[in-house]
N, C-alpha and C. Protein backbone atom coordinates (compact mmCIF):
# COMPACT_ATOMS: atom_id res chain seq x y z
N UNK A 1 99.51 -79.94 30.61
CA UNK A 1 98.66 -79.83 32.31
C UNK A 1 97.73 -80.12 33.35
N UNK A 2 96.29 -78.92 32.12
CA UNK A 2 95.30 -79.52 32.78
C UNK A 2 94.67 -80.80 32.20
N UNK A 3 94.92 -80.94 31.31
CA UNK A 3 94.97 -82.15 30.34
C UNK A 3 94.51 -83.28 31.54
N UNK A 4 95.94 -83.07 32.32
CA UNK A 4 96.86 -83.67 33.09
C UNK A 4 96.45 -83.72 34.34
N UNK A 5 95.32 -82.48 35.31
CA UNK A 5 93.87 -81.88 36.00
C UNK A 5 92.88 -82.61 35.79
N UNK A 6 92.20 -83.05 34.41
CA UNK A 6 91.55 -82.78 34.67
C UNK A 6 91.01 -84.69 34.17
N UNK A 7 91.85 -85.20 33.77
CA UNK A 7 92.67 -86.69 34.27
C UNK A 7 92.45 -87.51 35.35
N UNK A 8 93.07 -86.06 36.40
CA UNK A 8 92.90 -87.09 37.41
C UNK A 8 92.12 -86.50 37.64
N UNK A 9 91.04 -85.73 37.74
CA UNK A 9 89.98 -85.35 38.46
C UNK A 9 88.61 -86.50 38.25
N UNK A 10 89.05 -86.92 37.27
CA UNK A 10 88.38 -88.15 36.50
C UNK A 10 88.07 -89.22 37.20
N UNK A 11 89.57 -89.24 36.72
CA UNK A 11 89.45 -90.50 37.24
C UNK A 11 89.19 -91.12 39.63
N UNK A 12 88.95 -89.83 39.87
CA UNK A 12 89.35 -89.54 40.91
C UNK A 12 87.29 -89.90 41.77
N UNK A 13 86.60 -89.38 40.41
CA UNK A 13 85.20 -89.08 40.43
C UNK A 13 85.12 -90.13 39.97
N UNK A 14 85.52 -90.92 38.51
CA UNK A 14 84.62 -92.87 39.17
C UNK A 14 85.39 -93.63 39.77
N UNK A 15 86.21 -92.92 41.21
CA UNK A 15 86.56 -93.86 42.21
C UNK A 15 85.42 -92.69 42.58
N UNK A 16 85.44 -92.07 43.40
CA UNK A 16 83.84 -91.43 44.34
C UNK A 16 83.03 -92.49 43.54
N UNK A 17 82.53 -92.98 42.41
CA UNK A 17 81.43 -93.42 42.02
C UNK A 17 81.31 -95.32 42.44
N UNK A 18 82.24 -94.87 42.86
CA UNK A 18 83.16 -96.97 43.83
C UNK A 18 82.64 -96.29 44.32
N UNK A 19 83.16 -96.14 45.28
CA UNK A 19 82.73 -95.75 46.49
C UNK A 19 81.28 -96.01 46.91
N UNK A 20 80.82 -94.98 45.95
CA UNK A 20 79.55 -94.51 46.48
C UNK A 20 78.51 -95.74 46.05
N UNK A 21 78.60 -96.93 45.42
CA UNK A 21 78.19 -98.01 44.63
C UNK A 21 78.33 -98.74 46.56
N UNK A 22 79.75 -99.12 46.25
CA UNK A 22 79.47 -99.69 48.07
C UNK A 22 78.04 -99.57 49.40
N UNK A 23 78.53 -98.44 49.69
CA UNK A 23 78.28 -98.06 50.02
C UNK A 23 76.12 -98.55 49.53
N UNK A 24 76.14 -97.99 48.46
CA UNK A 24 74.11 -98.54 48.07
C UNK A 24 74.52 -100.25 47.81
N UNK A 25 75.20 -100.47 47.67
CA UNK A 25 75.23 -102.61 47.46
C UNK A 25 74.78 -102.60 49.10
N UNK A 26 76.09 -101.71 50.45
CA UNK A 26 75.94 -102.40 51.77
C UNK A 26 74.63 -102.28 51.87
N UNK A 27 74.04 -100.69 51.50
CA UNK A 27 72.41 -100.61 52.78
C UNK A 27 71.24 -101.60 51.67
N UNK A 28 71.79 -102.26 50.08
CA UNK A 28 70.95 -102.83 50.32
C UNK A 28 70.92 -104.32 50.81
N UNK A 29 72.31 -104.82 51.08
CA UNK A 29 72.83 -106.43 52.16
C UNK A 29 72.22 -105.70 53.20
N UNK A 30 72.03 -104.95 53.96
CA UNK A 30 71.57 -104.71 55.43
C UNK A 30 70.08 -104.83 55.21
N UNK A 31 69.54 -103.38 54.36
CA UNK A 31 68.06 -104.07 54.13
C UNK A 31 67.62 -105.15 54.37
N UNK A 32 68.30 -105.99 53.73
CA UNK A 32 67.33 -107.42 53.02
C UNK A 32 67.77 -108.65 54.56
N UNK A 33 69.33 -107.91 55.31
CA UNK A 33 68.52 -108.84 56.08
C UNK A 33 68.10 -108.71 57.53
N UNK A 34 68.02 -107.01 56.93
CA UNK A 34 66.71 -107.18 58.39
C UNK A 34 65.01 -106.65 58.02
N UNK A 35 64.79 -107.07 56.79
CA UNK A 35 63.22 -107.87 56.01
C UNK A 35 63.80 -109.99 56.63
N UNK A 36 64.88 -110.60 56.59
CA UNK A 36 64.86 -111.90 57.04
C UNK A 36 64.29 -111.86 58.39
N UNK A 37 65.93 -110.72 58.54
CA UNK A 37 65.78 -110.56 60.75
C UNK A 37 64.23 -110.90 61.11
N UNK A 38 63.20 -110.06 60.59
CA UNK A 38 62.22 -109.07 60.65
C UNK A 38 60.97 -110.64 60.24
N UNK A 39 60.72 -110.52 59.66
CA UNK A 39 59.97 -111.11 58.54
C UNK A 39 59.96 -112.96 58.48
N UNK A 40 60.63 -113.15 58.74
CA UNK A 40 61.46 -114.43 58.47
C UNK A 40 62.42 -115.70 60.16
N UNK A 41 62.76 -114.69 60.92
CA UNK A 41 63.24 -115.10 60.81
C UNK A 41 62.09 -114.67 62.98
N UNK A 42 61.46 -113.79 62.53
CA UNK A 42 60.64 -112.96 63.92
C UNK A 42 61.16 -112.96 65.49
N UNK A 43 62.77 -111.84 64.31
CA UNK A 43 63.61 -111.30 65.57
C UNK A 43 64.01 -109.83 65.34
N UNK A 44 63.60 -108.95 65.69
CA UNK A 44 64.14 -108.15 65.98
C UNK A 44 65.64 -107.01 66.29
N UNK A 45 65.68 -107.01 65.10
CA UNK A 45 67.09 -106.63 65.31
C UNK A 45 67.56 -104.97 64.76
N UNK A 46 67.60 -104.04 65.41
CA UNK A 46 67.94 -102.52 65.55
C UNK A 46 69.25 -102.14 64.61
N UNK A 47 71.09 -102.89 64.93
CA UNK A 47 71.60 -102.67 64.50
C UNK A 47 71.68 -102.70 62.30
N UNK A 48 70.50 -103.09 62.42
CA UNK A 48 70.69 -103.00 60.60
C UNK A 48 69.36 -101.72 60.23
N UNK A 49 69.07 -101.32 60.97
CA UNK A 49 68.32 -99.76 60.05
C UNK A 49 69.50 -99.13 60.67
N UNK A 50 70.13 -99.22 62.18
CA UNK A 50 70.78 -98.24 62.13
C UNK A 50 72.24 -97.57 60.80
N UNK A 51 72.78 -98.96 60.80
CA UNK A 51 73.73 -99.31 59.46
C UNK A 51 72.08 -98.24 58.36
N UNK A 52 71.48 -98.61 58.17
CA UNK A 52 70.93 -97.99 56.84
C UNK A 52 71.05 -96.19 57.11
N UNK A 53 69.83 -96.21 57.24
CA UNK A 53 70.13 -94.76 58.35
C UNK A 53 71.53 -93.46 58.15
N UNK A 54 72.35 -94.42 57.98
CA UNK A 54 73.97 -93.90 58.45
C UNK A 54 74.19 -93.73 57.16
N UNK A 55 74.45 -95.08 56.18
CA UNK A 55 74.70 -95.11 55.01
C UNK A 55 73.36 -93.92 54.52
N UNK A 56 72.53 -94.14 54.40
CA UNK A 56 71.89 -93.23 53.22
C UNK A 56 72.74 -91.99 53.60
N UNK A 57 72.58 -91.54 54.23
CA UNK A 57 72.74 -89.69 54.71
C UNK A 57 74.04 -89.48 53.85
N UNK A 58 75.67 -90.48 54.03
CA UNK A 58 76.57 -90.74 53.88
C UNK A 58 76.38 -90.64 52.46
N UNK A 59 75.63 -92.40 51.00
CA UNK A 59 75.61 -91.62 50.44
C UNK A 59 75.37 -90.32 49.09
N UNK A 60 74.28 -90.00 50.72
CA UNK A 60 73.56 -88.12 49.47
C UNK A 60 74.56 -87.82 49.82
N UNK A 61 75.29 -87.38 50.63
CA UNK A 61 76.53 -85.78 51.38
C UNK A 61 77.55 -86.45 50.41
N UNK A 62 77.91 -87.79 50.17
CA UNK A 62 79.13 -87.76 49.39
C UNK A 62 78.91 -87.96 48.11
N UNK A 63 77.65 -88.74 47.68
CA UNK A 63 77.42 -88.50 47.02
C UNK A 63 77.57 -86.72 45.73
N UNK A 64 76.28 -86.10 46.77
CA UNK A 64 76.26 -84.52 46.22
C UNK A 64 77.89 -84.15 45.95
N UNK A 65 78.33 -84.45 47.18
CA UNK A 65 79.85 -83.70 47.28
C UNK A 65 81.07 -84.07 46.44
N UNK A 66 81.30 -85.24 45.77
CA UNK A 66 81.54 -85.94 45.43
C UNK A 66 81.66 -86.70 43.16
N UNK A 67 80.19 -86.72 43.56
CA UNK A 67 80.65 -88.20 42.35
C UNK A 67 79.28 -86.55 41.67
N UNK A 68 78.48 -86.38 41.93
CA UNK A 68 77.31 -85.52 40.90
C UNK A 68 77.25 -84.14 40.46
N UNK A 69 77.99 -83.49 39.05
CA UNK A 69 78.43 -83.11 38.18
C UNK A 69 76.87 -82.35 38.72
N UNK A 70 77.22 -80.66 38.16
CA UNK A 70 76.71 -79.28 38.14
C UNK A 70 75.66 -79.91 36.39
N UNK A 71 76.43 -80.16 35.36
CA UNK A 71 75.20 -80.65 34.59
C UNK A 71 74.09 -81.57 36.18
N UNK A 72 74.51 -82.65 36.38
CA UNK A 72 73.03 -83.52 36.89
C UNK A 72 72.21 -82.17 38.14
N UNK A 73 72.66 -81.50 38.38
CA UNK A 73 72.26 -80.24 39.72
C UNK A 73 70.89 -80.09 39.07
N UNK A 74 70.22 -80.25 39.81
CA UNK A 74 67.88 -79.73 39.54
C UNK A 74 68.16 -78.00 39.69
N UNK A 75 67.71 -78.17 38.64
CA UNK A 75 68.16 -76.83 38.38
C UNK A 75 65.62 -76.22 38.46
N UNK A 76 66.20 -74.54 38.42
CA UNK A 76 64.59 -74.71 37.55
C UNK A 76 64.87 -74.43 35.99
N UNK A 77 64.32 -75.12 35.52
CA UNK A 77 64.82 -75.01 34.30
C UNK A 77 64.21 -73.98 33.43
N UNK A 78 62.71 -74.11 34.49
CA UNK A 78 62.26 -72.58 32.75
C UNK A 78 62.83 -71.56 32.88
N UNK A 79 63.50 -71.36 33.65
CA UNK A 79 64.31 -69.78 33.31
C UNK A 79 66.07 -70.57 32.85
N UNK A 80 66.01 -71.23 33.55
CA UNK A 80 67.96 -71.65 33.09
C UNK A 80 67.94 -71.47 31.46
N UNK A 81 66.76 -72.16 30.85
CA UNK A 81 65.94 -73.25 29.96
C UNK A 81 66.76 -71.21 28.53
N UNK A 82 65.27 -70.81 29.19
CA UNK A 82 65.20 -69.83 28.31
C UNK A 82 66.08 -68.03 28.52
N UNK A 83 66.46 -68.38 29.32
CA UNK A 83 68.07 -67.10 29.16
C UNK A 83 69.20 -67.41 28.51
N UNK A 84 69.61 -66.19 27.85
CA UNK A 84 71.03 -66.06 27.26
C UNK A 84 72.19 -66.44 28.26
N UNK A 85 72.80 -66.76 27.17
CA UNK A 85 75.10 -66.67 27.84
C UNK A 85 74.66 -65.61 28.92
N UNK A 86 74.46 -65.07 28.81
CA UNK A 86 75.03 -63.70 29.53
C UNK A 86 74.16 -63.83 31.19
N UNK A 87 73.23 -63.95 30.29
CA UNK A 87 71.93 -63.58 31.89
C UNK A 87 72.50 -65.55 33.18
N UNK A 88 72.92 -65.89 31.66
CA UNK A 88 73.09 -67.55 32.61
C UNK A 88 74.58 -67.05 33.32
N UNK A 89 75.38 -66.21 32.72
CA UNK A 89 76.67 -66.61 33.22
C UNK A 89 76.52 -65.85 34.69
N UNK A 90 76.01 -64.05 34.21
CA UNK A 90 75.78 -63.79 36.03
C UNK A 90 74.89 -64.79 36.82
N UNK A 91 73.09 -64.98 37.19
CA UNK A 91 72.65 -65.66 37.46
C UNK A 91 74.20 -66.74 37.89
N UNK A 92 75.13 -67.34 37.04
CA UNK A 92 75.97 -68.86 37.88
C UNK A 92 76.49 -68.54 39.01
N UNK A 93 77.03 -66.98 38.26
CA UNK A 93 78.16 -65.40 39.55
C UNK A 93 77.06 -65.69 41.46
N UNK A 94 75.71 -64.91 40.65
CA UNK A 94 74.77 -64.37 41.74
C UNK A 94 75.47 -66.17 42.52
N UNK A 95 73.83 -66.95 41.93
CA UNK A 95 74.35 -68.37 42.54
C UNK A 95 76.20 -69.16 43.61
N UNK A 96 76.21 -68.84 42.55
CA UNK A 96 77.83 -69.55 43.00
C UNK A 96 77.95 -68.14 44.63
N UNK A 97 78.71 -67.22 44.43
CA UNK A 97 78.34 -65.62 45.87
C UNK A 97 77.35 -66.16 46.82
N UNK A 98 76.86 -66.83 46.31
CA UNK A 98 74.46 -66.85 48.04
C UNK A 98 75.74 -67.81 48.20
N UNK A 99 76.31 -68.55 47.19
CA UNK A 99 76.39 -70.64 47.76
C UNK A 99 77.74 -70.58 48.58
N UNK A 100 79.12 -69.47 48.71
CA UNK A 100 79.07 -69.75 49.00
C UNK A 100 79.09 -68.14 50.51
N UNK A 101 78.68 -67.90 50.19
CA UNK A 101 79.29 -67.59 51.21
C UNK A 101 78.28 -67.81 52.44
N UNK A 102 76.62 -68.32 52.41
CA UNK A 102 75.85 -69.35 53.30
C UNK A 102 76.59 -70.03 53.79
N UNK A 103 77.13 -71.12 52.80
CA UNK A 103 78.09 -72.36 53.32
C UNK A 103 79.12 -72.20 54.22
N UNK A 104 80.18 -70.81 53.83
CA UNK A 104 81.01 -70.28 54.34
C UNK A 104 80.59 -69.42 55.79
N UNK A 105 79.81 -68.99 56.10
CA UNK A 105 79.24 -68.48 56.71
C UNK A 105 78.93 -69.24 57.51
N UNK A 106 78.24 -71.17 57.42
CA UNK A 106 77.38 -71.00 58.29
C UNK A 106 78.80 -72.95 58.79
N UNK A 107 79.60 -72.34 57.68
CA UNK A 107 80.83 -73.80 58.28
C UNK A 107 81.17 -72.73 59.06
N UNK A 108 81.80 -72.47 60.44
CA UNK A 108 82.33 -73.11 61.86
C UNK A 108 81.67 -73.31 62.77
N UNK A 109 79.99 -73.14 62.74
CA UNK A 109 78.99 -73.43 63.06
C UNK A 109 78.37 -74.81 63.35
N UNK A 110 78.28 -75.54 61.71
CA UNK A 110 78.47 -76.72 61.20
C UNK A 110 79.70 -77.45 62.09
N UNK A 111 80.76 -77.03 61.29
CA UNK A 111 82.48 -78.05 62.48
C UNK A 111 81.78 -77.96 64.04
N UNK A 112 80.93 -76.94 64.53
CA UNK A 112 81.26 -76.97 66.16
C UNK A 112 80.13 -78.18 66.78
N UNK A 113 79.43 -78.01 65.88
CA UNK A 113 78.66 -78.38 65.48
C UNK A 113 79.13 -80.45 66.37
N UNK A 114 79.18 -80.67 65.07
CA UNK A 114 79.75 -82.31 64.60
C UNK A 114 80.39 -81.94 65.65
N UNK A 115 81.41 -81.43 65.73
CA UNK A 115 82.92 -82.59 66.85
C UNK A 115 82.31 -82.15 68.98
N UNK A 116 80.88 -81.08 68.73
CA UNK A 116 79.66 -81.31 70.37
C UNK A 116 79.42 -83.14 69.83
N UNK A 117 79.25 -83.19 68.80
CA UNK A 117 78.53 -84.32 68.86
C UNK A 117 78.72 -85.84 69.01
N UNK A 118 80.39 -85.33 69.81
CA UNK A 118 81.40 -86.90 69.75
C UNK A 118 80.51 -87.09 71.85
N UNK A 119 80.04 -86.61 72.03
CA UNK A 119 79.96 -86.61 73.35
C UNK A 119 78.51 -88.04 73.04
N UNK A 120 77.85 -87.77 71.65
CA UNK A 120 76.64 -88.66 72.07
C UNK A 120 77.04 -90.72 71.10
N UNK A 121 76.74 -91.02 70.85
CA UNK A 121 76.48 -92.36 70.37
C UNK A 121 75.06 -92.90 69.56
N UNK A 122 75.86 -93.74 69.37
CA UNK A 122 74.59 -94.75 68.25
C UNK A 122 73.59 -95.14 69.37
N UNK A 123 72.34 -95.71 68.96
CA UNK A 123 71.43 -96.65 70.37
C UNK A 123 72.96 -98.26 70.17
N UNK A 124 72.56 -99.13 68.79
CA UNK A 124 73.04 -99.95 68.39
C UNK A 124 74.08 -100.20 68.60
N UNK A 125 75.20 -99.65 67.74
CA UNK A 125 76.42 -99.89 66.82
C UNK A 125 77.10 -99.04 68.21
N UNK A 126 76.98 -98.00 68.45
CA UNK A 126 77.58 -97.45 69.73
C UNK A 126 78.43 -96.36 68.64
N UNK A 127 78.41 -95.99 67.82
CA UNK A 127 79.20 -95.23 66.08
C UNK A 127 79.17 -93.93 67.15
N UNK A 128 79.97 -93.11 67.92
CA UNK A 128 79.64 -91.10 67.68
C UNK A 128 79.18 -91.19 66.74
N UNK A 129 78.84 -89.84 67.46
CA UNK A 129 77.71 -89.37 66.01
C UNK A 129 78.67 -88.54 65.04
N UNK A 130 79.92 -87.83 66.18
CA UNK A 130 80.87 -87.17 65.22
C UNK A 130 81.69 -87.32 64.08
N UNK A 131 81.73 -88.56 64.37
CA UNK A 131 81.88 -89.30 62.79
C UNK A 131 80.77 -89.58 62.03
N UNK A 132 80.12 -89.31 62.36
CA UNK A 132 78.69 -90.04 61.20
C UNK A 132 78.38 -88.66 61.14
N UNK A 133 77.99 -87.77 61.62
CA UNK A 133 77.42 -86.47 60.13
C UNK A 133 79.12 -85.97 60.14
N UNK A 134 80.88 -86.14 60.33
CA UNK A 134 81.10 -85.37 59.42
C UNK A 134 81.08 -85.91 58.46
N UNK A 135 80.55 -85.90 57.29
CA UNK A 135 80.09 -86.01 56.06
C UNK A 135 79.32 -85.24 55.79
N UNK A 136 79.51 -84.43 56.69
CA UNK A 136 78.58 -82.95 56.47
C UNK A 136 79.49 -82.01 56.47
N UNK A 137 80.47 -81.32 57.05
CA UNK A 137 81.05 -81.44 56.84
C UNK A 137 82.40 -81.10 54.98
N UNK A 138 82.97 -82.54 56.00
CA UNK A 138 83.35 -82.78 53.95
C UNK A 138 82.78 -81.89 52.41
N UNK A 139 80.92 -82.60 52.78
CA UNK A 139 79.81 -81.54 51.77
C UNK A 139 80.06 -80.65 51.77
N UNK A 140 80.18 -79.80 52.61
CA UNK A 140 80.24 -77.83 53.39
C UNK A 140 81.55 -77.67 52.01
N UNK A 141 83.26 -77.79 52.22
CA UNK A 141 84.20 -77.82 51.91
C UNK A 141 84.00 -78.31 51.04
N UNK A 142 82.70 -79.11 50.52
CA UNK A 142 83.02 -79.54 48.28
C UNK A 142 82.58 -78.94 47.71
N UNK A 143 80.96 -77.94 48.66
CA UNK A 143 80.95 -76.59 47.30
C UNK A 143 81.35 -76.14 47.94
N UNK A 144 81.87 -75.40 49.08
CA UNK A 144 82.39 -74.18 48.91
C UNK A 144 83.15 -73.93 47.43
N UNK A 145 84.61 -74.71 48.16
CA UNK A 145 85.10 -74.91 46.87
C UNK A 145 84.82 -75.30 45.11
N UNK A 146 83.65 -76.08 45.08
CA UNK A 146 82.78 -76.08 43.78
C UNK A 146 82.89 -75.08 43.22
N UNK A 147 81.84 -74.57 44.64
CA UNK A 147 80.62 -73.16 43.51
C UNK A 147 81.92 -71.69 44.12
N UNK A 148 83.48 -72.10 44.26
CA UNK A 148 84.46 -71.27 44.26
C UNK A 148 84.49 -71.42 42.58
N UNK A 149 84.87 -72.23 42.32
CA UNK A 149 85.30 -73.02 41.05
C UNK A 149 84.65 -72.21 39.87
N UNK A 150 83.09 -72.62 39.35
CA UNK A 150 82.23 -72.63 38.72
C UNK A 150 81.84 -71.21 39.16
N UNK A 151 81.94 -69.88 39.99
CA UNK A 151 82.24 -68.42 39.79
C UNK A 151 83.24 -68.20 38.76
N UNK A 152 84.95 -68.98 39.62
CA UNK A 152 85.47 -68.09 38.88
C UNK A 152 85.66 -68.23 36.78
N UNK A 153 84.90 -69.99 36.89
CA UNK A 153 84.54 -69.83 35.58
C UNK A 153 84.15 -69.02 35.06
N UNK A 154 82.88 -68.79 35.80
CA UNK A 154 81.57 -67.83 35.18
C UNK A 154 82.03 -66.21 34.97
N UNK A 155 82.84 -66.18 35.93
CA UNK A 155 83.77 -64.50 35.79
C UNK A 155 85.00 -64.41 34.26
N UNK A 156 85.43 -65.70 34.23
CA UNK A 156 86.49 -65.63 33.04
C UNK A 156 85.88 -65.84 31.77
N UNK A 157 83.81 -66.07 31.33
CA UNK A 157 83.49 -65.35 30.69
C UNK A 157 83.14 -66.77 30.24
N UNK A 158 83.47 -68.33 30.77
CA UNK A 158 82.98 -69.56 30.44
C UNK A 158 81.53 -70.16 30.59
N UNK A 159 80.19 -69.53 29.74
CA UNK A 159 79.37 -70.17 29.81
C UNK A 159 78.62 -71.23 30.29
N UNK A 160 77.55 -71.38 31.09
CA UNK A 160 76.83 -72.36 31.89
C UNK A 160 76.33 -72.81 31.11
N UNK A 161 76.16 -75.11 30.55
CA UNK A 161 75.17 -74.78 29.54
C UNK A 161 74.18 -74.44 29.94
N UNK A 162 73.14 -73.94 28.41
CA UNK A 162 72.02 -74.77 28.67
C UNK A 162 71.33 -76.22 28.69
N UNK A 163 70.08 -76.37 29.28
CA UNK A 163 69.31 -77.37 30.07
C UNK A 163 68.94 -77.37 28.41
N UNK A 164 69.48 -79.12 28.04
CA UNK A 164 69.01 -79.25 26.49
C UNK A 164 68.26 -80.74 26.70
N UNK A 165 66.19 -80.34 26.62
CA UNK A 165 65.50 -81.42 26.87
C UNK A 165 65.86 -82.71 26.50
N UNK A 166 66.27 -82.63 24.84
CA UNK A 166 66.93 -84.11 24.33
C UNK A 166 68.41 -84.73 25.36
N UNK A 167 69.00 -84.05 25.45
CA UNK A 167 70.05 -84.87 26.86
C UNK A 167 69.68 -85.39 27.72
N UNK A 168 68.58 -84.59 28.79
CA UNK A 168 68.13 -84.76 29.84
C UNK A 168 67.53 -86.92 30.12
N UNK A 169 68.77 -87.05 31.14
CA UNK A 169 68.62 -88.19 32.22
C UNK A 169 67.96 -88.24 33.29
N UNK A 170 67.63 -89.56 33.97
CA UNK A 170 67.27 -89.42 35.41
C UNK A 170 67.88 -89.17 36.53
N UNK A 171 68.87 -88.07 35.99
CA UNK A 171 70.35 -87.76 37.35
C UNK A 171 70.82 -88.90 37.70
N UNK A 172 70.95 -90.38 37.64
CA UNK A 172 71.54 -92.06 38.09
C UNK A 172 72.33 -91.99 36.98
């Protein structure tokens, strides 16, 4: 059962990566259009900037919620890497508890603000701001679920991975 859930989770993560790639590609195309219209055709168009900003917000928050793995997260490796297994477990539990608390206590206010923003629209495309910023609510819920899972794993005795500089990548 665990293997099937893990396989399904990995499949979903790869599909989220595909969506993220499509968003990045769309942002690149819109950015090139903006350059062509502005500098080659001498026409200023604002909708391209609006789409670029909206896609950037979605790329960062969607990617953080569904694509970035725990080992890809930025850490203060000097302390994390030098800590022993039990110390890393305790740090993981404390970090998870703090983030669950902070995201949890802010979630009602975040939801209220995002739903309140339905009265505002973007300047060019008239996209309602509640649609535009709804990804932040999804991000917060995903972070709460992620850190509940990581906290439970640490409490059950699973030691978080130590930083290995020989396996370090760019995070991309």
